[in-house]
Amino acid sequence: MIKLSYGREGVIYKNGVEFLFNIGDIIVGDSVIKFIEQPDTILYSSAEELNSVVQTVPFYLSPPTEFYFTDFYYVLNDSLADTALTANDMVNFKVDLVKEQNGQVVGTFDNITYTKEYLDKYANVSYQVNCSNISPGDYYLRLVTTTEGNSEYFLGNVQNSGEGLDKRKYTRINFDGTTLPVTYSLEQNYPNPFNPTTTIRYQIPKDGMVTLKIYDILGAEVATLVNEEKIVGRYEVSFDASRLASGVYIYRLQANDYISVKKMVLLK
């Protein structure tokens, strides 16, 4: 049983208004992920200096990995904003998932911007990250802060009891930061009418066998665009009808027990 979890927060002060973003409760497989060691009593001179220490130690991810973390962000003393902040003041927080080998940012989560006119956004979100398409390797999470206007920068260390982590309601999300679909959907192709290519988009909320086929108006199959196992996610497929005659065609998606059919028009 997980006894402790860890978090780290970036804190920005602007004339009495406090902006805070916390990232923590990071679980990868059976391991609790910590942050690079850094005391939280230091005043930092810039957002760049703060960003260099608000990150985790590296951890290994591969497609089967179970990966969880939590974001928490809010503004204190926002009632002072009218007098404390100018129209140019801005604070942006985001969380990046970075591949350690080359520094590539492979995902961005909760990209939040606060301004004098926009201070009320607050969230405490727990994520279950889908790593199905990730390239195996070592990664780390980092908090990135960007500011405009005069600011003071601080770091906070958090240590929590891990009790209740397994009872949380987790939002499923892809490792690149995009949310996972919760329903099946087949969209209308675009452009439509088309000549000679068009794009078809669909989404599936569960892994499974997917087929996407094209039929003429009499029901004869003229093309198979997809016929394979797919993981949960959003997809798009290009259809080239160069060899076909103008007319109305049908495209049919079957994914697990879901079936959807739509029409499209080829005009040459």
Foldseek 3Di string as FASTA:
>chain_A
DAFKKKKKKKWKDFQHKIKIKMKIPKDKANDHWAFDDDDFPDKDDDLVVVQVGQKTDKDKDDQVIWIKMKMWIAMPPLVCLVPRFDQFKKKWKKKFKAAPVPRDGQAIADTDMDGSVRHGDTDIAMATERRNPPDIHIIMMTMHMDIDDDIIMTMDMDMDTPPPPVVDDHQYCYNRHHGFDPAWDKDDWPPFQDPFKIKTKIFDRAWFWKWKFKAAPVGHTDDTFGTGIDGGHMDMTMDGRNVPDWDKMKMWMDGPNDIDIDIGTYDD
